[in-house]
């Protein structure tokens, strides 16, 4: 699915653009695979700005973000990190799953999220003022984060927060059909399977199947796999390795895919 086929799920496109025009940072929240990254890509195309994506993790340091001195050709030279490059280029800098980053690494963002809109490169002795076209966007999944990790309220309050969720079933099926080329009724059955599992999520305690995995299942079906085989490989297997839970999930899949060719 390209930026032209992005399916909005409310007013997130309008609010994102308004935040961009007012030079405000944005925080996207919602379950994994609900379209947060796709929205950023769509908005980059819509606004005519490049998107620099940074995948956050435990070992991400401030130097990984802003840059460091490196030995090149016998000389020690400063090399910009992705955040610094995004600021200088006036790009959209997207920190994916920002909750995974260490709090001390995120401190470098503070001066970019208030009226200063400035990045201080202390080690390089440089101050970079963000152009009007620069935008900082972060995302994370608040419902399924580790109990040991959370974003500080003082950090969250620096952003315009846009909560996101899965599309309504009919529209989610349209996305899957458009992305994979499978028939719309097949896409509807995949979505019904996912919705049933999402509804049972509180009992099973796992992260629910995303639109992303439904698209992957759709690609397998388009290649000739049966609906049940595709559902087991792409939707069920990644959720749990517990045999009893897997059996329960398979019963849900069989029931929701009833009428499809489920032969192995």
C-alpha atoms as a PDB file:
ATOM      1  CA  UNK A   1       0.000   0.000   0.000  1.00  0.00           C
ATOM      2  CA  UNK A   2       1.442   3.333  -1.004  1.00  0.00           C
ATOM      3  CA  UNK A   3       0.854   6.753   0.454  1.00  0.00           C
ATOM      4  CA  UNK A   4      -1.980   7.208  -2.102  1.00  0.00           C
ATOM      5  CA  UNK A   5      -3.892   4.241  -0.654  1.00  0.00           C
ATOM      6  CA  UNK A   6      -3.582   5.099   3.021  1.00  0.00           C
ATOM      7  CA  UNK A   7      -6.892   4.546   4.825  1.00  0.00           C
ATOM      8  CA  UNK A   8      -7.497   7.059   7.592  1.00  0.00           C
ATOM      9  CA  UNK A   9      -9.237   5.984  10.766  1.00  0.00           C
ATOM     10  CA  UNK A  10     -10.425   9.351  11.998  1.00  0.00           C
ATOM     11  CA  UNK A  11      -8.896  12.808  12.011  1.00  0.00           C
ATOM     12  CA  UNK A  12      -5.249  11.760  12.380  1.00  0.00           C
ATOM     13  CA  UNK A  13      -4.211  13.014   8.928  1.00  0.00           C
ATOM     14  CA  UNK A  14      -5.722  16.456   9.492  1.00  0.00           C
ATOM     15  CA  UNK A  15      -4.296  16.789  13.009  1.00  0.00           C
ATOM     16  CA  UNK A  16      -0.861  15.582  11.887  1.00  0.00           C
ATOM     17  CA  UNK A  17      -0.794  18.207   9.121  1.00  0.00           C
ATOM     18  CA  UNK A  18      -1.964  20.929  11.500  1.00  0.00           C
ATOM     19  CA  UNK A  19       0.776  19.994  13.966  1.00  0.00           C
ATOM     20  CA  UNK A  20       3.313  20.133  11.127  1.00  0.00           C
ATOM     21  CA  UNK A  21       2.148  23.606  10.079  1.00  0.00           C
ATOM     22  CA  UNK A  22       2.492  24.814  13.675  1.00  0.00           C
ATOM     23  CA  UNK A  23       5.905  23.111  14.074  1.00  0.00           C
ATOM     24  CA  UNK A  24       4.689  20.845  16.878  1.00  0.00           C
ATOM     25  CA  UNK A  25       6.073  17.369  17.652  1.00  0.00           C
ATOM     26  CA  UNK A  26       3.668  14.427  17.419  1.00  0.00           C
ATOM     27  CA  UNK A  27       3.376  11.205  19.434  1.00  0.00           C
ATOM     28  CA  UNK A  28       1.491   8.312  17.805  1.00  0.00           C
ATOM     29  CA  UNK A  29       0.114   5.689  20.173  1.00  0.00           C
ATOM     30  CA  UNK A  30      -1.680   2.447  19.444  1.00  0.00           C
ATOM     31  CA  UNK A  31      -1.301  -1.309  19.071  1.00  0.00           C
ATOM     32  CA  UNK A  32       1.477  -2.822  17.024  1.00  0.00           C
ATOM     33  CA  UNK A  33       0.709  -2.995  13.322  1.00  0.00           C
ATOM     34  CA  UNK A  34      -2.260  -0.603  13.362  1.00  0.00           C
ATOM     35  CA  UNK A  35      -0.680   1.773  10.829  1.00  0.00           C
ATOM     36  CA  UNK A  36       1.482   4.208  12.820  1.00  0.00           C
ATOM     37  CA  UNK A  37       4.504   3.834  10.565  1.00  0.00           C
ATOM     38  CA  UNK A  38       2.322   3.839   7.460  1.00  0.00           C
ATOM     39  CA  UNK A  39       0.758   7.125   8.581  1.00  0.00           C
ATOM     40  CA  UNK A  40       4.196   8.732   8.920  1.00  0.00           C
ATOM     41  CA  UNK A  41       5.183   7.510   5.447  1.00  0.00           C
ATOM     42  CA  UNK A  42       1.893   8.808   4.058  1.00  0.00           C
ATOM     43  CA  UNK A  43       2.355  12.197   5.685  1.00  0.00           C
ATOM     44  CA  UNK A  44       5.911  12.434   4.407  1.00  0.00           C
ATOM     45  CA  UNK A  45       4.605  11.993   0.873  1.00  0.00           C
ATOM     46  CA  UNK A  46       1.660  14.326   1.465  1.00  0.00           C
ATOM     47  CA  UNK A  47       3.855  17.091   2.902  1.00  0.00           C
ATOM     48  CA  UNK A  48       6.690  16.532   0.465  1.00  0.00           C
ATOM     49  CA  UNK A  49       9.230  15.794   3.195  1.00  0.00           C
ATOM     50  CA  UNK A  50      11.705  12.907   3.490  1.00  0.00           C
ATOM     51  CA  UNK A  51      11.233  10.587   6.468  1.00  0.00           C
ATOM     52  CA  UNK A  52      14.225   9.516   8.568  1.00  0.00           C
ATOM     53  CA  UNK A  53      13.233   6.486  10.665  1.00  0.00           C
ATOM     54  CA  UNK A  54      15.073   5.482  13.838  1.00  0.00           C
ATOM     55  CA  UNK A  55      14.178   2.145  15.443  1.00  0.00           C
ATOM     56  CA  UNK A  56      14.608   2.570  19.183  1.00  0.00           C
ATOM     57  CA  UNK A  57      16.089  -0.113  21.457  1.00  0.00           C
ATOM     58  CA  UNK A  58      17.769  -0.563  24.835  1.00  0.00           C
ATOM     59  CA  UNK A  59      21.266   0.109  23.539  1.00  0.00           C
ATOM     60  CA  UNK A  60      20.404   3.315  21.663  1.00  0.00           C
ATOM     61  CA  UNK A  61      22.640   6.109  22.965  1.00  0.00           C
ATOM     62  CA  UNK A  62      22.463   9.849  22.461  1.00  0.00           C
ATOM     63  CA  UNK A  63      25.581   9.518  20.290  1.00  0.00           C
ATOM     64  CA  UNK A  64      23.698   7.075  18.062  1.00  0.00           C
ATOM     65  CA  UNK A  65      21.111   9.814  17.569  1.00  0.00           C
ATOM     66  CA  UNK A  66      23.204  12.952  17.178  1.00  0.00           C
ATOM     67  CA  UNK A  67      26.559  11.627  15.960  1.00  0.00           C
ATOM     68  CA  UNK A  68      30.115  11.041  17.126  1.00  0.00           C
ATOM     69  CA  UNK A  69      33.747  11.619  16.253  1.00  0.00           C
ATOM     70  CA  UNK A  70      35.154   8.863  14.059  1.00  0.00           C
ATOM     71  CA  UNK A  71      38.554   8.083  12.599  1.00  0.00           C
ATOM     72  CA  UNK A  72      38.419   8.466   8.825  1.00  0.00           C
ATOM     73  CA  UNK A  73      41.524   8.302   6.646  1.00  0.00           C
ATOM     74  CA  UNK A  74      43.768   8.925   9.630  1.00  0.00           C
ATOM     75  CA  UNK A  75      41.794  11.984  10.730  1.00  0.00           C
ATOM     76  CA  UNK A  76      39.244  12.309  13.502  1.00  0.00           C
ATOM     77  CA  UNK A  77      36.095  13.806  12.023  1.00  0.00           C
ATOM     78  CA  UNK A  78      32.596  14.421  13.304  1.00  0.00           C
ATOM     79  CA  UNK A  79      29.891  12.243  11.696  1.00  0.00           C
ATOM     80  CA  UNK A  80      26.270  13.325  12.029  1.00  0.00           C
ATOM     81  CA  UNK A  81      23.774  10.819  13.405  1.00  0.00           C
ATOM     82  CA  UNK A  82      20.318  10.302  11.871  1.00  0.00           C
ATOM     83  CA  UNK A  83      18.626  12.833  14.160  1.00  0.00           C
ATOM     84  CA  UNK A  84      21.146  15.529  13.274  1.00  0.00           C
ATOM     85  CA  UNK A  85      20.836  14.768   9.565  1.00  0.00           C
ATOM     86  CA  UNK A  86      17.046  14.965   9.786  1.00  0.00           C
ATOM     87  CA  UNK A  87      17.200  18.343  11.536  1.00  0.00           C
ATOM     88  CA  UNK A  88      19.642  19.786   9.022  1.00  0.00           C
ATOM     89  CA  UNK A  89      17.638  18.473   6.067  1.00  0.00           C
ATOM     90  CA  UNK A  90      14.314  19.669   7.447  1.00  0.00           C
ATOM     91  CA  UNK A  91      12.992  16.106   7.317  1.00  0.00           C
ATOM     92  CA  UNK A  92      10.423  14.247   9.391  1.00  0.00           C
ATOM     93  CA  UNK A  93      12.392  12.334  12.018  1.00  0.00           C
ATOM     94  CA  UNK A  94      10.442   9.275  13.165  1.00  0.00           C
ATOM     95  CA  UNK A  95      11.462   7.467  16.370  1.00  0.00           C
ATOM     96  CA  UNK A  96       9.678   4.121  16.235  1.00  0.00           C
ATOM     97  CA  UNK A  97       8.857   2.453  19.604  1.00  0.00           C
ATOM     98  CA  UNK A  98      10.459   5.320  21.482  1.00  0.00           C
ATOM     99  CA  UNK A  99       9.576   3.684  24.826  1.00  0.00           C
ATOM    100  CA  UNK A 100      12.339   1.151  24.160  1.00  0.00           C
ATOM    101  CA  UNK A 101      15.038   3.847  24.296  1.00  0.00           C
ATOM    102  CA  UNK A 102      16.810   4.778  27.509  1.00  0.00           C
ATOM    103  CA  UNK A 103      15.574   7.904  29.236  1.00  0.00           C
ATOM    104  CA  UNK A 104      19.039   9.494  29.198  1.00  0.00           C
ATOM    105  CA  UNK A 105      19.190   9.025  25.424  1.00  0.00           C
ATOM    106  CA  UNK A 106      15.887  10.840  24.967  1.00  0.00           C
ATOM    107  CA  UNK A 107      17.061  13.905  26.888  1.00  0.00           C
ATOM    108  CA  UNK A 108      18.727  15.169  23.704  1.00  0.00           C
ATOM    109  CA  UNK A 109      15.234  15.583  22.209  1.00  0.00           C
ATOM    110  CA  UNK A 110      14.004  18.059  24.797  1.00  0.00           C
ATOM    111  CA  UNK A 111      15.347  21.161  23.095  1.00  0.00           C
ATOM    112  CA  UNK A 112      13.698  20.077  19.831  1.00  0.00           C
ATOM    113  CA  UNK A 113      10.261  19.669  21.399  1.00  0.00           C
ATOM    114  CA  UNK A 114       9.782  23.139  22.840  1.00  0.00           C
ATOM    115  CA  UNK A 115       9.990  26.720  21.601  1.00  0.00           C
ATOM    116  CA  UNK A 116      13.742  26.416  20.997  1.00  0.00           C
ATOM    117  CA  UNK A 117      13.496  23.798  18.220  1.00  0.00           C
ATOM    118  CA  UNK A 118      17.244  23.516  18.507  1.00  0.00           C
ATOM    119  CA  UNK A 119      19.664  20.586  18.635  1.00  0.00           C
ATOM    120  CA  UNK A 120      22.769  21.088  20.764  1.00  0.00           C
ATOM    121  CA  UNK A 121      25.788  19.061  19.664  1.00  0.00           C
ATOM    122  CA  UNK A 122      27.908  19.545  22.751  1.00  0.00           C
ATOM    123  CA  UNK A 123      30.771  17.318  21.635  1.00  0.00           C
ATOM    124  CA  UNK A 124      30.987  18.938  18.223  1.00  0.00           C
ATOM    125  CA  UNK A 125      30.532  22.447  19.644  1.00  0.00           C
ATOM    126  CA  UNK A 126      27.672  23.066  17.209  1.00  0.00           C
ATOM    127  CA  UNK A 127      24.137  24.382  17.597  1.00  0.00           C
ATOM    128  CA  UNK A 128      21.649  23.367  14.906  1.00  0.00           C
ATOM    129  CA  UNK A 129      18.409  25.336  14.644  1.00  0.00           C
ATOM    130  CA  UNK A 130      15.658  23.255  13.067  1.00  0.00           C
ATOM    131  CA  UNK A 131      14.131  24.736   9.910  1.00  0.00           C
ATOM    132  CA  UNK A 132      10.360  25.137   9.722  1.00  0.00           C
ATOM    133  CA  UNK A 133      10.082  21.943   7.676  1.00  0.00           C
ATOM    134  CA  UNK A 134      11.605  19.731  10.393  1.00  0.00           C
ATOM    135  CA  UNK A 135       9.190  17.614  12.410  1.00  0.00           C
ATOM    136  CA  UNK A 136       9.789  15.167  15.250  1.00  0.00           C
ATOM    137  CA  UNK A 137       7.432  12.191  15.424  1.00  0.00           C
ATOM    138  CA  UNK A 138       7.558   9.353  17.964  1.00  0.00           C
ATOM    139  CA  UNK A 139       5.440   6.245  18.403  1.00  0.00           C
ATOM    140  CA  UNK A 140       4.875   3.490  20.923  1.00  0.00           C
ATOM    141  CA  UNK A 141       2.312   0.963  22.059  1.00  0.00           C
ATOM    142  CA  UNK A 142       1.132   1.985  25.552  1.00  0.00           C
ATOM    143  CA  UNK A 143      -1.078  -1.072  26.078  1.00  0.00           C
ATOM    144  CA  UNK A 144       1.637  -3.687  25.649  1.00  0.00           C
ATOM    145  CA  UNK A 145       4.796  -2.034  26.882  1.00  0.00           C
ATOM    146  CA  UNK A 146       6.923  -3.736  29.514  1.00  0.00           C
ATOM    147  CA  UNK A 147       5.837  -2.997  33.069  1.00  0.00           C
ATOM    148  CA  UNK A 148       9.405  -1.864  33.691  1.00  0.00           C
ATOM    149  CA  UNK A 149       9.288   0.719  30.890  1.00  0.00           C
ATOM    150  CA  UNK A 150       7.256   3.824  30.401  1.00  0.00           C
ATOM    151  CA  UNK A 151       7.729   7.332  29.103  1.00  0.00           C
ATOM    152  CA  UNK A 152       7.978  10.046  31.687  1.00  0.00           C
ATOM    153  CA  UNK A 153       4.841  12.218  31.816  1.00  0.00           C
ATOM    154  CA  UNK A 154       7.027  15.286  31.376  1.00  0.00           C
ATOM    155  CA  UNK A 155       8.286  13.804  28.097  1.00  0.00           C
ATOM    156  CA  UNK A 156       4.855  12.738  26.824  1.00  0.00           C
ATOM    157  CA  UNK A 157       3.424  16.184  27.497  1.00  0.00           C
ATOM    158  CA  UNK A 158       5.867  17.725  25.045  1.00  0.00           C
ATOM    159  CA  UNK A 159       3.947  16.126  22.158  1.00  0.00           C
ATOM    160  CA  UNK A 160       0.625  16.347  20.404  1.00  0.00           C
ATOM    161  CA  UNK A 161      -0.653  12.806  20.980  1.00  0.00           C
ATOM    162  CA  UNK A 162      -2.662  11.064  18.277  1.00  0.00           C
ATOM    163  CA  UNK A 163      -4.153   7.760  19.516  1.00  0.00           C
ATOM    164  CA  UNK A 164      -4.545   5.182  16.742  1.00  0.00           C
ATOM    165  CA  UNK A 165      -6.308   1.843  16.519  1.00  0.00           C
ATOM    166  CA  UNK A 166      -7.228  -0.810  13.995  1.00  0.00           C
ATOM    167  CA  UNK A 167      -9.520   0.186  11.160  1.00  0.00           C
ATOM    168  CA  UNK A 168     -13.174  -0.868  11.276  1.00  0.00           C
ATOM    169  CA  UNK A 169     -13.442  -4.437   9.899  1.00  0.00           C
ATOM    170  CA  UNK A 170     -14.874  -3.445   6.511  1.00  0.00           C
ATOM    171  CA  UNK A 171     -12.134  -0.903   5.874  1.00  0.00           C
ATOM    172  CA  UNK A 172      -9.417  -3.205   7.199  1.00  0.00           C
ATOM    173  CA  UNK A 173     -10.580  -5.837   4.706  1.00  0.00           C
ATOM    174  CA  UNK A 174     -10.371  -3.233   1.925  1.00  0.00           C
ATOM    175  CA  UNK A 175      -6.765  -2.514   2.892  1.00  0.00           C
ATOM    176  CA  UNK A 176      -5.831  -6.197   2.821  1.00  0.00           C
ATOM    177  CA  UNK A 177      -7.546  -6.778  -0.520  1.00  0.00           C
ATOM    178  CA  UNK A 178      -5.920  -3.685  -2.049  1.00  0.00           C
ATOM    179  CA  UNK A 179      -2.463  -4.611  -0.755  1.00  0.00           C
ATOM    180  CA  UNK A 180      -2.458  -8.292  -1.654  1.00  0.00           C
ATOM    181  CA  UNK A 181      -4.885  -8.685  -4.545  1.00  0.00           C
ATOM    182  CA  UNK A 182      -6.981 -11.346  -2.805  1.00  0.00           C
ATOM    183  CA  UNK A 183     -10.771 -11.330  -3.118  1.00  0.00           C
ATOM    184  CA  UNK A 184     -12.595  -9.035  -0.730  1.00  0.00           C
ATOM    185  CA  UNK A 185     -14.609 -11.898   0.801  1.00  0.00           C
ATOM    186  CA  UNK A 186     -11.356 -13.692   1.634  1.00  0.00           C
ATOM    187  CA  UNK A 187     -10.000 -10.524   3.204  1.00  0.00           C
ATOM    188  CA  UNK A 188     -13.173 -10.246   5.262  1.00  0.00           C
ATOM    189  CA  UNK A 189     -12.664 -13.764   6.622  1.00  0.00           C
ATOM    190  CA  UNK A 190      -9.083 -12.944   7.645  1.00  0.00           C
ATOM    191  CA  UNK A 191     -10.288  -9.816   9.413  1.00  0.00           C
ATOM    192  CA  UNK A 192     -13.070 -11.739  11.161  1.00  0.00           C
ATOM    193  CA  UNK A 193     -10.445 -14.184  12.396  1.00  0.00           C
ATOM    194  CA  UNK A 194      -8.281 -11.353  13.726  1.00  0.00           C
ATOM    195  CA  UNK A 195     -11.224  -9.579  15.359  1.00  0.00           C
ATOM    196  CA  UNK A 196     -12.228 -12.778  17.161  1.00  0.00           C
ATOM    197  CA  UNK A 197      -8.680 -13.214  18.473  1.00  0.00           C
ATOM    198  CA  UNK A 198      -8.440  -9.544  19.466  1.00  0.00           C
ATOM    199  CA  UNK A 199     -11.672  -9.964  21.406  1.00  0.00           C
ATOM    200  CA  UNK A 200     -10.170 -12.960  23.213  1.00  0.00           C
ATOM    201  CA  UNK A 201      -6.931 -11.078  23.874  1.00  0.00           C
ATOM    202  CA  UNK A 202      -7.770 -10.280  27.523  1.00  0.00           C
ATOM    203  CA  UNK A 203      -8.098 -13.979  28.293  1.00  0.00           C
ATOM    204  CA  UNK A 204      -4.971 -15.109  26.427  1.00  0.00           C
ATOM    205  CA  UNK A 205      -2.681 -12.191  27.412  1.00  0.00           C
ATOM    206  CA  UNK A 206      -0.783 -11.735  24.168  1.00  0.00           C
ATOM    207  CA  UNK A 207      -0.441  -8.918  21.694  1.00  0.00           C
ATOM    208  CA  UNK A 208      -3.353  -9.125  19.229  1.00  0.00           C
ATOM    209  CA  UNK A 209      -2.818  -9.830  15.523  1.00  0.00           C
ATOM    210  CA  UNK A 210      -2.121  -6.686  13.559  1.00  0.00           C
ATOM    211  CA  UNK A 211      -3.213  -5.504  10.159  1.00  0.00           C
ATOM    212  CA  UNK A 212       0.375  -6.132   9.108  1.00  0.00           C
ATOM    213  CA  UNK A 213       0.142  -9.901   9.758  1.00  0.00           C
ATOM    214  CA  UNK A 214      -3.187 -10.047   7.930  1.00  0.00           C
ATOM    215  CA  UNK A 215      -1.507  -8.515   4.884  1.00  0.00           C
ATOM    216  CA  UNK A 216       1.250 -11.112   5.148  1.00  0.00           C
ATOM    217  CA  UNK A 217      -1.363 -13.884   5.304  1.00  0.00           C
ATOM    218  CA  UNK A 218      -3.065 -12.351   2.283  1.00  0.00           C
ATOM    219  CA  UNK A 219       0.162 -12.525   0.298  1.00  0.00           C
ATOM    220  CA  UNK A 220       0.492 -16.238   1.100  1.00  0.00           C
ATOM    221  CA  UNK A 221      -3.095 -16.850   0.008  1.00  0.00           C
ATOM    222  CA  UNK A 222      -2.428 -14.940  -3.206  1.00  0.00           C
ATOM    223  CA  UNK A 223       0.509 -17.305  -3.785  1.00  0.00           C
ATOM    224  CA  UNK A 224      -1.770 -20.350  -3.452  1.00  0.00           C
ATOM    225  CA  UNK A 225      -1.819 -21.193   0.265  1.00  0.00           C
ATOM    226  CA  UNK A 226      -5.112 -22.189   1.860  1.00  0.00           C
ATOM    227  CA  UNK A 227      -6.692 -19.632   4.160  1.00  0.00           C
ATOM    228  CA  UNK A 228      -6.194 -21.808   7.248  1.00  0.00           C
ATOM    229  CA  UNK A 229      -2.557 -22.547   6.417  1.00  0.00           C
ATOM    230  CA  UNK A 230      -1.912 -18.855   5.885  1.00  0.00           C
ATOM    231  CA  UNK A 231      -3.726 -17.967   9.105  1.00  0.00           C
ATOM    232  CA  UNK A 232      -1.773 -20.543  11.108  1.00  0.00           C
ATOM    233  CA  UNK A 233       1.603 -19.448   9.710  1.00  0.00           C
ATOM    234  CA  UNK A 234       1.080 -15.688   9.821  1.00  0.00           C
ATOM    235  CA  UNK A 235      -1.544 -15.022  12.490  1.00  0.00           C
ATOM    236  CA  UNK A 236      -1.580 -17.887  15.004  1.00  0.00           C
ATOM    237  CA  UNK A 237       1.998 -19.150  15.207  1.00  0.00           C
ATOM    238  CA  UNK A 238       3.596 -15.782  16.061  1.00  0.00           C
ATOM    239  CA  UNK A 239       1.159 -15.223  18.955  1.00  0.00           C
ATOM    240  CA  UNK A 240       2.045 -18.091  21.268  1.00  0.00           C
ATOM    241  CA  UNK A 241       4.147 -21.252  21.551  1.00  0.00           C
ATOM    242  CA  UNK A 242       1.888 -22.663  24.263  1.00  0.00           C
ATOM    243  CA  UNK A 243       0.181 -25.769  22.869  1.00  0.00           C
ATOM    244  CA  UNK A 244      -3.104 -25.265  24.703  1.00  0.00           C
ATOM    245  CA  UNK A 245      -3.363 -21.641  23.638  1.00  0.00           C
ATOM    246  CA  UNK A 246      -2.449 -22.554  20.073  1.00  0.00           C
ATOM    247  CA  UNK A 247      -5.213 -25.148  20.003  1.00  0.00           C
ATOM    248  CA  UNK A 248      -7.700 -22.563  21.243  1.00  0.00           C
ATOM    249  CA  UNK A 249      -6.578 -20.079  18.635  1.00  0.00           C
ATOM    250  CA  UNK A 250      -6.873 -22.700  15.915  1.00  0.00           C
ATOM    251  CA  UNK A 251     -10.469 -23.358  16.929  1.00  0.00           C
ATOM    252  CA  UNK A 252     -11.167 -19.641  16.550  1.00  0.00           C
ATOM    253  CA  UNK A 253      -9.504 -19.627  13.137  1.00  0.00           C
ATOM    254  CA  UNK A 254     -11.393 -22.679  11.932  1.00  0.00           C
ATOM    255  CA  UNK A 255     -14.700 -21.180  13.072  1.00  0.00           C
ATOM    256  CA  UNK A 256     -14.118 -17.771  11.485  1.00  0.00           C
ATOM    257  CA  UNK A 257     -12.735 -19.218   8.248  1.00  0.00           C
ATOM    258  CA  UNK A 258     -15.686 -21.603   7.904  1.00  0.00           C
ATOM    259  CA  UNK A 259     -16.623 -22.017   4.284  1.00  0.00           C
ATOM    260  CA  UNK A 260     -13.095 -21.434   3.052  1.00  0.00           C
ATOM    261  CA  UNK A 261     -10.844 -24.116   1.614  1.00  0.00           C
ATOM    262  CA  UNK A 262      -9.011 -25.135   4.801  1.00  0.00           C
ATOM    263  CA  UNK A 263      -7.411 -28.277   3.455  1.00  0.00           C
ATOM    264  CA  UNK A 264      -3.711 -28.676   4.152  1.00  0.00           C
END
